[in-house]
Amino acid sequence: MMIPIGLILNEILSNSYKYAFKDKKIGLINIELTQVKKELKLIVYDNGVGLDKNFDIKKQGSLGMQLIHMLSEQIEAEMKVSSKEGTRYDITFPLK
């Protein structure tokens, strides 16, 4: 289970470095991993430019976003993506 989580994290961080800080010289990327009962919650957010208003991770054509979605399904994760003052990924998955 840790390999898919590492790949998800790598893809999210790569996207942040590539796209979030186009017009900024300095940016923040925060990573949190917490355990709540029998679940792990991974939160990754940045203070970059954010996503388009009509963004839907399930309908994205980019390979990276498809990979994040597919890997999340593989580990039975619930994922929420929001874009307020940057981009935030909340990924909750069961401990096995």
PDB file of N, CA and C in Angstrom:
ATOM      1  N   MET A   1       0.812  -1.188   0.000  1.00  0.00           N
ATOM      2  CA  MET A   1       0.000   0.000   0.000  1.00  0.00           C
ATOM      3  C   MET A   1       0.863   1.262   0.000  1.00  0.00           C
ATOM      4  N   MET A   2       2.047   1.209   0.520  1.00  0.00           N
ATOM      5  CA  MET A   2       2.878   2.412   0.604  1.00  0.00           C
ATOM      6  C   MET A   2       3.395   2.861  -0.763  1.00  0.00           C
ATOM      7  N   ILE A   3       3.578   1.944  -1.690  1.00  0.00           N
ATOM      8  CA  ILE A   3       4.062   2.336  -3.026  1.00  0.00           C
ATOM      9  C   ILE A   3       3.027   3.210  -3.737  1.00  0.00           C
ATOM     10  N   PRO A   4       1.738   2.823  -3.794  1.00  0.00           N
ATOM     11  CA  PRO A   4       0.766   3.719  -4.419  1.00  0.00           C
ATOM     12  C   PRO A   4       0.680   5.085  -3.725  1.00  0.00           C
ATOM     13  N   ILE A   5       0.768   5.096  -2.402  1.00  0.00           N
ATOM     14  CA  ILE A   5       0.723   6.369  -1.677  1.00  0.00           C
ATOM     15  C   ILE A   5       1.927   7.234  -2.044  1.00  0.00           C
ATOM     16  N   GLY A   6       3.099   6.630  -2.129  1.00  0.00           N
ATOM     17  CA  GLY A   6       4.292   7.362  -2.537  1.00  0.00           C
ATOM     18  C   GLY A   6       4.174   7.902  -3.952  1.00  0.00           C
ATOM     19  N   LEU A   7       3.589   7.118  -4.856  1.00  0.00           N
ATOM     20  CA  LEU A   7       3.397   7.569  -6.238  1.00  0.00           C
ATOM     21  C   LEU A   7       2.378   8.709  -6.315  1.00  0.00           C
ATOM     22  N   ILE A   8       1.314   8.609  -5.525  1.00  0.00           N
ATOM     23  CA  ILE A   8       0.324   9.690  -5.470  1.00  0.00           C
ATOM     24  C   ILE A   8       0.985  10.975  -4.981  1.00  0.00           C
ATOM     25  N   LEU A   9       1.717  10.863  -3.892  1.00  0.00           N
ATOM     26  CA  LEU A   9       2.396  12.028  -3.321  1.00  0.00           C
ATOM     27  C   LEU A   9       3.391  12.628  -4.309  1.00  0.00           C
ATOM     28  N   ASN A  10       4.149  11.787  -4.978  1.00  0.00           N
ATOM     29  CA  ASN A  10       5.114  12.254  -5.970  1.00  0.00           C
ATOM     30  C   ASN A  10       4.421  13.018  -7.101  1.00  0.00           C
ATOM     31  N   GLU A  11       3.302  12.504  -7.568  1.00  0.00           N
ATOM     32  CA  GLU A  11       2.590  13.157  -8.675  1.00  0.00           C
ATOM     33  C   GLU A  11       1.995  14.490  -8.238  1.00  0.00           C
ATOM     34  N   ILE A  12       1.431  14.536  -7.039  1.00  0.00           N
ATOM     35  CA  ILE A  12       0.871  15.795  -6.534  1.00  0.00           C
ATOM     36  C   ILE A  12       1.970  16.838  -6.378  1.00  0.00           C
ATOM     37  N   LEU A  13       3.106  16.439  -5.800  1.00  0.00           N
ATOM     38  CA  LEU A  13       4.212  17.381  -5.629  1.00  0.00           C
ATOM     39  C   LEU A  13       4.766  17.849  -6.964  1.00  0.00           C
ATOM     40  N   SER A  14       4.884  16.942  -7.918  1.00  0.00           N
ATOM     41  CA  SER A  14       5.361  17.317  -9.253  1.00  0.00           C
ATOM     42  C   SER A  14       4.433  18.345  -9.889  1.00  0.00           C
ATOM     43  N   ASN A  15       3.120  18.119  -9.767  1.00  0.00           N
ATOM     44  CA  ASN A  15       2.155  19.068 -10.318  1.00  0.00           C
ATOM     45  C   ASN A  15       2.266  20.432  -9.638  1.00  0.00           C
ATOM     46  N   SER A  16       2.454  20.429  -8.333  1.00  0.00           N
ATOM     47  CA  SER A  16       2.604  21.701  -7.623  1.00  0.00           C
ATOM     48  C   SER A  16       3.831  22.461  -8.113  1.00  0.00           C
ATOM     49  N   TYR A  17       4.946  21.772  -8.211  1.00  0.00           N
ATOM     50  CA  TYR A  17       6.174  22.440  -8.676  1.00  0.00           C
ATOM     51  C   TYR A  17       6.029  22.960 -10.107  1.00  0.00           C
ATOM     52  N   LYS A  18       5.343  22.195 -10.951  1.00  0.00           N
ATOM     53  CA  LYS A  18       5.208  22.588 -12.361  1.00  0.00           C
ATOM     54  C   LYS A  18       4.224  23.732 -12.568  1.00  0.00           C
ATOM     55  N   TYR A  19       3.077  23.686 -11.872  1.00  0.00           N
ATOM     56  CA  TYR A  19       1.970  24.559 -12.227  1.00  0.00           C
ATOM     57  C   TYR A  19       1.557  25.583 -11.171  1.00  0.00           C
ATOM     58  N   ALA A  20       1.744  25.291  -9.907  1.00  0.00           N
ATOM     59  CA  ALA A  20       1.169  26.136  -8.854  1.00  0.00           C
ATOM     60  C   ALA A  20       1.836  27.494  -8.722  1.00  0.00           C
ATOM     61  N   PHE A  21       3.103  27.575  -9.033  1.00  0.00           N
ATOM     62  CA  PHE A  21       3.847  28.791  -8.723  1.00  0.00           C
ATOM     63  C   PHE A  21       4.373  29.496  -9.972  1.00  0.00           C
ATOM     64  N   LYS A  22       3.601  29.483 -11.040  1.00  0.00           N
ATOM     65  CA  LYS A  22       4.024  30.101 -12.304  1.00  0.00           C
ATOM     66  C   LYS A  22       4.395  31.574 -12.131  1.00  0.00           C
ATOM     67  N   ASP A  23       3.576  32.308 -11.402  1.00  0.00           N
ATOM     68  CA  ASP A  23       3.785  33.741 -11.247  1.00  0.00           C
ATOM     69  C   ASP A  23       4.431  34.116  -9.915  1.00  0.00           C
ATOM     70  N   LYS A  24       4.874  33.127  -9.161  1.00  0.00           N
ATOM     71  CA  LYS A  24       5.463  33.388  -7.850  1.00  0.00           C
ATOM     72  C   LYS A  24       6.893  32.879  -7.807  1.00  0.00           C
ATOM     73  N   LYS A  25       7.717  33.565  -7.043  1.00  0.00           N
ATOM     74  CA  LYS A  25       9.081  33.072  -6.839  1.00  0.00           C
ATOM     75  C   LYS A  25       9.161  32.212  -5.582  1.00  0.00           C
ATOM     76  N   ILE A  26       8.232  32.434  -4.670  1.00  0.00           N
ATOM     77  CA  ILE A  26       8.215  31.680  -3.420  1.00  0.00           C
ATOM     78  C   ILE A  26       6.831  31.078  -3.240  1.00  0.00           C
ATOM     79  N   GLY A  27       6.789  29.821  -2.823  1.00  0.00           N
ATOM     80  CA  GLY A  27       5.514  29.167  -2.582  1.00  0.00           C
ATOM     81  C   GLY A  27       5.622  28.190  -1.436  1.00  0.00           C
ATOM     82  N   LEU A  28       4.477  27.752  -0.962  1.00  0.00           N
ATOM     83  CA  LEU A  28       4.402  26.829   0.158  1.00  0.00           C
ATOM     84  C   LEU A  28       3.703  25.556  -0.289  1.00  0.00           C
ATOM     85  N   ILE A  29       4.278  24.427   0.034  1.00  0.00           N
ATOM     86  CA  ILE A  29       3.625  23.132  -0.138  1.00  0.00           C
ATOM     87  C   ILE A  29       3.654  22.453   1.222  1.00  0.00           C
ATOM     88  N   ASN A  30       2.495  22.046   1.701  1.00  0.00           N
ATOM     89  CA  ASN A  30       2.402  21.429   3.021  1.00  0.00           C
ATOM     90  C   ASN A  30       1.897  19.994   2.870  1.00  0.00           C
ATOM     91  N   ILE A  31       2.474  19.085   3.633  1.00  0.00           N
ATOM     92  CA  ILE A  31       2.091  17.669   3.604  1.00  0.00           C
ATOM     93  C   ILE A  31       1.774  17.244   5.030  1.00  0.00           C
ATOM     94  N   GLU A  32       0.591  16.665   5.219  1.00  0.00           N
ATOM     95  CA  GLU A  32       0.193  16.158   6.531  1.00  0.00           C
ATOM     96  C   GLU A  32      -0.273  14.717   6.373  1.00  0.00           C
ATOM     97  N   LEU A  33       0.141  13.867   7.280  1.00  0.00           N
ATOM     98  CA  LEU A  33      -0.326  12.483   7.302  1.00  0.00           C
ATOM     99  C   LEU A  33      -0.728  12.173   8.738  1.00  0.00           C
ATOM    100  N   THR A  34      -2.006  11.861   8.946  1.00  0.00           N
ATOM    101  CA  THR A  34      -2.494  11.572  10.282  1.00  0.00           C
ATOM    102  C   THR A  34      -3.288  10.267  10.273  1.00  0.00           C
ATOM    103  N   GLN A  35      -3.329   9.626  11.430  1.00  0.00           N
ATOM    104  CA  GLN A  35      -4.123   8.410  11.587  1.00  0.00           C
ATOM    105  C   GLN A  35      -5.313   8.724  12.469  1.00  0.00           C
ATOM    106  N   VAL A  36      -6.494   8.356  11.983  1.00  0.00           N
ATOM    107  CA  VAL A  36      -7.718   8.489  12.751  1.00  0.00           C
ATOM    108  C   VAL A  36      -8.370   7.114  12.772  1.00  0.00           C
ATOM    109  N   LYS A  37      -8.319   6.490  13.916  1.00  0.00           N
ATOM    110  CA  LYS A  37      -8.811   5.125  14.092  1.00  0.00           C
ATOM    111  C   LYS A  37      -8.132   4.190  13.090  1.00  0.00           C
ATOM    112  N   LYS A  38      -8.901   3.598  12.186  1.00  0.00           N
ATOM    113  CA  LYS A  38      -8.322   2.640  11.238  1.00  0.00           C
ATOM    114  C   LYS A  38      -8.176   3.239   9.840  1.00  0.00           C
ATOM    115  N   GLU A  39      -7.984   4.549   9.788  1.00  0.00           N
ATOM    116  CA  GLU A  39      -7.788   5.225   8.515  1.00  0.00           C
ATOM    117  C   GLU A  39      -6.586   6.161   8.587  1.00  0.00           C
ATOM    118  N   LEU A  40      -5.974   6.352   7.445  1.00  0.00           N
ATOM    119  CA  LEU A  40      -4.931   7.361   7.313  1.00  0.00           C
ATOM    120  C   LEU A  40      -5.481   8.481   6.458  1.00  0.00           C
ATOM    121  N   LYS A  41      -5.113   9.705   6.812  1.00  0.00           N
ATOM    122  CA  LYS A  41      -5.548  10.861   6.031  1.00  0.00           C
ATOM    123  C   LYS A  41      -4.304  11.610   5.572  1.00  0.00           C
ATOM    124  N   LEU A  42      -4.169  11.728   4.262  1.00  0.00           N
ATOM    125  CA  LEU A  42      -3.073  12.464   3.643  1.00  0.00           C
ATOM    126  C   LEU A  42      -3.638  13.765   3.105  1.00  0.00           C
ATOM    127  N   ILE A  43      -3.070  14.874   3.546  1.00  0.00           N
ATOM    128  CA  ILE A  43      -3.477  16.189   3.061  1.00  0.00           C
ATOM    129  C   ILE A  43      -2.247  16.844   2.457  1.00  0.00           C
ATOM    130  N   VAL A  44      -2.375  17.267   1.212  1.00  0.00           N
ATOM    131  CA  VAL A  44      -1.302  17.971   0.521  1.00  0.00           C
ATOM    132  C   VAL A  44      -1.909  19.246  -0.046  1.00  0.00           C
ATOM    133  N   TYR A  45      -1.329  20.385   0.311  1.00  0.00           N
ATOM    134  CA  TYR A  45      -1.851  21.618  -0.261  1.00  0.00           C
ATOM    135  C   TYR A  45      -0.728  22.603  -0.540  1.00  0.00           C
ATOM    136  N   ASP A  46      -1.025  23.493  -1.482  1.00  0.00           N
ATOM    137  CA  ASP A  46      -0.076  24.545  -1.827  1.00  0.00           C
ATOM    138  C   ASP A  46      -0.812  25.881  -1.847  1.00  0.00           C
ATOM    139  N   ASN A  47      -0.052  26.964  -1.859  1.00  0.00           N
ATOM    140  CA  ASN A  47      -0.656  28.292  -1.918  1.00  0.00           C
ATOM    141  C   ASN A  47      -0.438  28.919  -3.296  1.00  0.00           C
ATOM    142  N   GLY A  48      -0.494  28.093  -4.308  1.00  0.00           N
ATOM    143  CA  GLY A  48      -0.269  28.532  -5.681  1.00  0.00           C
ATOM    144  C   GLY A  48      -1.507  29.107  -6.333  1.00  0.00           C
ATOM    145  N   VAL A  49      -1.535  29.043  -7.659  1.00  0.00           N
ATOM    146  CA  VAL A  49      -2.594  29.681  -8.446  1.00  0.00           C
ATOM    147  C   VAL A  49      -3.921  28.930  -8.398  1.00  0.00           C
ATOM    148  N   GLY A  50      -3.933  27.689  -7.969  1.00  0.00           N
ATOM    149  CA  GLY A  50      -5.165  26.915  -7.878  1.00  0.00           C
ATOM    150  C   GLY A  50      -5.535  26.260  -9.198  1.00  0.00           C
ATOM    151  N   LEU A  51      -6.669  25.602  -9.195  1.00  0.00           N
ATOM    152  CA  LEU A  51      -7.159  24.869 -10.360  1.00  0.00           C
ATOM    153  C   LEU A  51      -8.256  25.660 -11.059  1.00  0.00           C
ATOM    154  N   ASP A  52      -8.551  25.274 -12.294  1.00  0.00           N
ATOM    155  CA  ASP A  52      -9.661  25.882 -13.020  1.00  0.00           C
ATOM    156  C   ASP A  52     -10.966  25.643 -12.271  1.00  0.00           C
ATOM    157  N   LYS A  53     -11.923  26.544 -12.437  1.00  0.00           N
ATOM    158  CA  LYS A  53     -13.209  26.429 -11.739  1.00  0.00           C
ATOM    159  C   LYS A  53     -13.951  25.143 -12.102  1.00  0.00           C
ATOM    160  N   ASN A  54     -13.816  24.673 -13.319  1.00  0.00           N
ATOM    161  CA  ASN A  54     -14.530  23.480 -13.784  1.00  0.00           C
ATOM    162  C   ASN A  54     -13.708  22.204 -13.638  1.00  0.00           C
ATOM    163  N   PHE A  55     -12.687  22.224 -12.811  1.00  0.00           N
ATOM    164  CA  PHE A  55     -11.798  21.075 -12.663  1.00  0.00           C
ATOM    165  C   PHE A  55     -12.547  19.874 -12.103  1.00  0.00           C
ATOM    166  N   ASP A  56     -12.351  18.720 -12.738  1.00  0.00           N
ATOM    167  CA  ASP A  56     -12.896  17.446 -12.263  1.00  0.00           C
ATOM    168  C   ASP A  56     -11.822  16.397 -12.484  1.00  0.00           C
ATOM    169  N   ILE A  57     -11.261  15.871 -11.406  1.00  0.00           N
ATOM    170  CA  ILE A  57     -10.124  14.944 -11.517  1.00  0.00           C
ATOM    171  C   ILE A  57     -10.497  13.704 -12.327  1.00  0.00           C
ATOM    172  N   LYS A  58     -11.768  13.295 -12.284  1.00  0.00           N
ATOM    173  CA  LYS A  58     -12.189  12.098 -13.009  1.00  0.00           C
ATOM    174  C   LYS A  58     -12.247  12.327 -14.514  1.00  0.00           C
ATOM    175  N   LYS A  59     -12.334  13.587 -14.934  1.00  0.00           N
ATOM    176  CA  LYS A  59     -12.461  13.900 -16.356  1.00  0.00           C
ATOM    177  C   LYS A  59     -11.208  14.548 -16.934  1.00  0.00           C
ATOM    178  N   GLN A  60     -10.138  14.576 -16.173  1.00  0.00           N
ATOM    179  CA  GLN A  60      -8.902  15.194 -16.646  1.00  0.00           C
ATOM    180  C   GLN A  60      -8.219  14.320 -17.682  1.00  0.00           C
ATOM    181  N   GLY A  61      -7.670  14.952 -18.693  1.00  0.00           N
ATOM    182  CA  GLY A  61      -6.983  14.228 -19.748  1.00  0.00           C
ATOM    183  C   GLY A  61      -5.510  13.988 -19.446  1.00  0.00           C
ATOM    184  N   SER A  62      -4.983  14.694 -18.440  1.00  0.00           N
ATOM    185  CA  SER A  62      -3.552  14.562 -18.173  1.00  0.00           C
ATOM    186  C   SER A  62      -3.243  13.209 -17.531  1.00  0.00           C
ATOM    187  N   LEU A  63      -2.135  12.648 -17.935  1.00  0.00           N
ATOM    188  CA  LEU A  63      -1.718  11.353 -17.408  1.00  0.00           C
ATOM    189  C   LEU A  63      -1.504  11.411 -15.896  1.00  0.00           C
ATOM    190  N   GLY A  64      -0.919  12.496 -15.416  1.00  0.00           N
ATOM    191  CA  GLY A  64      -0.656  12.632 -13.983  1.00  0.00           C
ATOM    192  C   GLY A  64      -1.914  12.598 -13.146  1.00  0.00           C
ATOM    193  N   MET A  65      -2.931  13.341 -13.563  1.00  0.00           N
ATOM    194  CA  MET A  65      -4.187  13.359 -12.817  1.00  0.00           C
ATOM    195  C   MET A  65      -4.904  12.018 -12.910  1.00  0.00           C
ATOM    196  N   GLN A  66      -4.837  11.378 -14.061  1.00  0.00           N
ATOM    197  CA  GLN A  66      -5.422  10.041 -14.194  1.00  0.00           C
ATOM    198  C   GLN A  66      -4.716   9.061 -13.263  1.00  0.00           C
ATOM    199  N   LEU A  67      -3.401   9.189 -13.167  1.00  0.00           N
ATOM    200  CA  LEU A  67      -2.618   8.316 -12.287  1.00  0.00           C
ATOM    201  C   LEU A  67      -3.019   8.510 -10.830  1.00  0.00           C
ATOM    202  N   ILE A  68      -3.156   9.763 -10.397  1.00  0.00           N
ATOM    203  CA  ILE A  68      -3.579  10.047  -9.021  1.00  0.00           C
ATOM    204  C   ILE A  68      -4.935   9.408  -8.756  1.00  0.00           C
ATOM    205  N   HIS A  69      -5.865   9.574  -9.673  1.00  0.00           N
ATOM    206  CA  HIS A  69      -7.211   9.013  -9.508  1.00  0.00           C
ATOM    207  C   HIS A  69      -7.182   7.483  -9.469  1.00  0.00           C
ATOM    208  N   MET A  70      -6.461   6.868 -10.398  1.00  0.00           N
ATOM    209  CA  MET A  70      -6.406   5.399 -10.460  1.00  0.00           C
ATOM    210  C   MET A  70      -5.726   4.799  -9.231  1.00  0.00           C
ATOM    211  N   LEU A  71      -4.623   5.410  -8.790  1.00  0.00           N
ATOM    212  CA  LEU A  71      -3.932   4.898  -7.612  1.00  0.00           C
ATOM    213  C   LEU A  71      -4.790   5.055  -6.357  1.00  0.00           C
ATOM    214  N   SER A  72      -5.546   6.139  -6.286  1.00  0.00           N
ATOM    215  CA  SER A  72      -6.448   6.332  -5.139  1.00  0.00           C
ATOM    216  C   SER A  72      -7.512   5.246  -5.108  1.00  0.00           C
ATOM    217  N   GLU A  73      -8.052   4.922  -6.266  1.00  0.00           N
ATOM    218  CA  GLU A  73      -9.031   3.837  -6.328  1.00  0.00           C
ATOM    219  C   GLU A  73      -8.402   2.506  -5.932  1.00  0.00           C
ATOM    220  N   GLN A  74      -7.160   2.289  -6.338  1.00  0.00           N
ATOM    221  CA  GLN A  74      -6.460   1.034  -6.048  1.00  0.00           C
ATOM    222  C   GLN A  74      -6.343   0.790  -4.554  1.00  0.00           C
ATOM    223  N   ILE A  75      -6.126   1.847  -3.765  1.00  0.00           N
ATOM    224  CA  ILE A  75      -5.981   1.684  -2.307  1.00  0.00           C
ATOM    225  C   ILE A  75      -7.289   1.998  -1.582  1.00  0.00           C
ATOM    226  N   GLU A  76      -8.394   2.051  -2.360  1.00  0.00           N
ATOM    227  CA  GLU A  76      -9.730   2.277  -1.822  1.00  0.00           C
ATOM    228  C   GLU A  76      -9.819   3.590  -1.048  1.00  0.00           C
ATOM    229  N   ALA A  77      -9.197   4.609  -1.591  1.00  0.00           N
ATOM    230  CA  ALA A  77      -9.173   5.914  -0.942  1.00  0.00           C
ATOM    231  C   ALA A  77     -10.343   6.780  -1.374  1.00  0.00           C
ATOM    232  N   GLU A  78     -10.739   7.637  -0.471  1.00  0.00           N
ATOM    233  CA  GLU A  78     -11.697   8.681  -0.795  1.00  0.00           C
ATOM    234  C   GLU A  78     -10.869   9.949  -0.998  1.00  0.00           C
ATOM    235  N   MET A  79     -11.051  10.609  -2.129  1.00  0.00           N
ATOM    236  CA  MET A  79     -10.228  11.776  -2.425  1.00  0.00           C
ATOM    237  C   MET A  79     -11.103  12.976  -2.741  1.00  0.00           C
ATOM    238  N   LYS A  80     -10.730  14.106  -2.149  1.00  0.00           N
ATOM    239  CA  LYS A  80     -11.389  15.377  -2.428  1.00  0.00           C
ATOM    240  C   LYS A  80     -10.310  16.353  -2.876  1.00  0.00           C
ATOM    241  N   VAL A  81     -10.601  17.080  -3.936  1.00  0.00           N
ATOM    242  CA  VAL A  81      -9.682  18.092  -4.436  1.00  0.00           C
ATOM    243  C   VAL A  81     -10.417  19.419  -4.414  1.00  0.00           C
ATOM    244  N   SER A  82      -9.794  20.409  -3.784  1.00  0.00           N
ATOM    245  CA  SER A  82     -10.405  21.736  -3.742  1.00  0.00           C
ATOM    246  C   SER A  82      -9.373  22.781  -4.130  1.00  0.00           C
ATOM    247  N   SER A  83      -9.880  23.940  -4.479  1.00  0.00           N
ATOM    248  CA  SER A  83      -8.985  24.988  -4.944  1.00  0.00           C
ATOM    249  C   SER A  83      -9.430  26.337  -4.387  1.00  0.00           C
ATOM    250  N   LYS A  84      -8.978  26.635  -3.184  1.00  0.00           N
ATOM    251  CA  LYS A  84      -9.200  27.928  -2.549  1.00  0.00           C
ATOM    252  C   LYS A  84      -7.836  28.397  -2.069  1.00  0.00           C
ATOM    253  N   GLU A  85      -7.381  29.491  -2.605  1.00  0.00           N
ATOM    254  CA  GLU A  85      -6.054  30.005  -2.250  1.00  0.00           C
ATOM    255  C   GLU A  85      -4.989  28.944  -2.488  1.00  0.00           C
ATOM    256  N   GLY A  86      -5.063  28.272  -3.614  1.00  0.00           N
ATOM    257  CA  GLY A  86      -4.142  27.194  -3.954  1.00  0.00           C
ATOM    258  C   GLY A  86      -4.920  25.925  -4.246  1.00  0.00           C
ATOM    259  N   THR A  87      -4.235  24.803  -4.159  1.00  0.00           N
ATOM    260  CA  THR A  87      -4.858  23.507  -4.420  1.00  0.00           C
ATOM    261  C   THR A  87      -4.668  22.614  -3.205  1.00  0.00           C
ATOM    262  N   ARG A  88      -5.710  21.879  -2.871  1.00  0.00           N
ATOM    263  CA  ARG A  88      -5.663  20.996  -1.702  1.00  0.00           C
ATOM    264  C   ARG A  88      -6.212  19.627  -2.080  1.00  0.00           C
ATOM    265  N   TYR A  89      -5.466  18.599  -1.712  1.00  0.00           N
ATOM    266  CA  TYR A  89      -5.878  17.209  -1.887  1.00  0.00           C
ATOM    267  C   TYR A  89      -6.087  16.614  -0.505  1.00  0.00           C
ATOM    268  N   ASP A  90      -7.273  16.083  -0.244  1.00  0.00           N
ATOM    269  CA  ASP A  90      -7.569  15.342   0.981  1.00  0.00           C
ATOM    270  C   ASP A  90      -7.819  13.897   0.564  1.00  0.00           C
ATOM    271  N   ILE A  91      -6.947  13.004   0.997  1.00  0.00           N
ATOM    272  CA  ILE A  91      -7.041  11.607   0.594  1.00  0.00           C
ATOM    273  C   ILE A  91      -7.115  10.761   1.861  1.00  0.00           C
ATOM    274  N   THR A  92      -8.232  10.046   2.032  1.00  0.00           N
ATOM    275  CA  THR A  92      -8.435   9.200   3.202  1.00  0.00           C
ATOM    276  C   THR A  92      -8.513   7.757   2.724  1.00  0.00           C
ATOM    277  N   PHE A  93      -7.735   6.902   3.369  1.00  0.00           N
ATOM    278  CA  PHE A  93      -7.730   5.497   2.954  1.00  0.00           C
ATOM    279  C   PHE A  93      -7.638   4.598   4.179  1.00  0.00           C
ATOM    280  N   PRO A  94      -8.210   3.375   4.068  1.00  0.00           N
ATOM    281  CA  PRO A  94      -8.206   2.457   5.193  1.00  0.00           C
ATOM    282  C   PRO A  94      -6.834   1.852   5.433  1.00  0.00           C
ATOM    283  N   LEU A  95      -6.527   1.642   6.698  1.00  0.00           N
ATOM    284  CA  LEU A  95      -5.309   0.909   7.062  1.00  0.00           C
ATOM    285  C   LEU A  95      -5.583  -0.580   6.894  1.00  0.00           C
ATOM    286  N   LYS A  96      -4.647  -1.255   6.282  1.00  0.00           N
ATOM    287  CA  LYS A  96      -4.824  -2.703   6.084  1.00  0.00           C
ATOM    288  C   LYS A  96      -3.643  -3.437   6.650  1.00  0.00           C
TER     289      LYS A  96
END
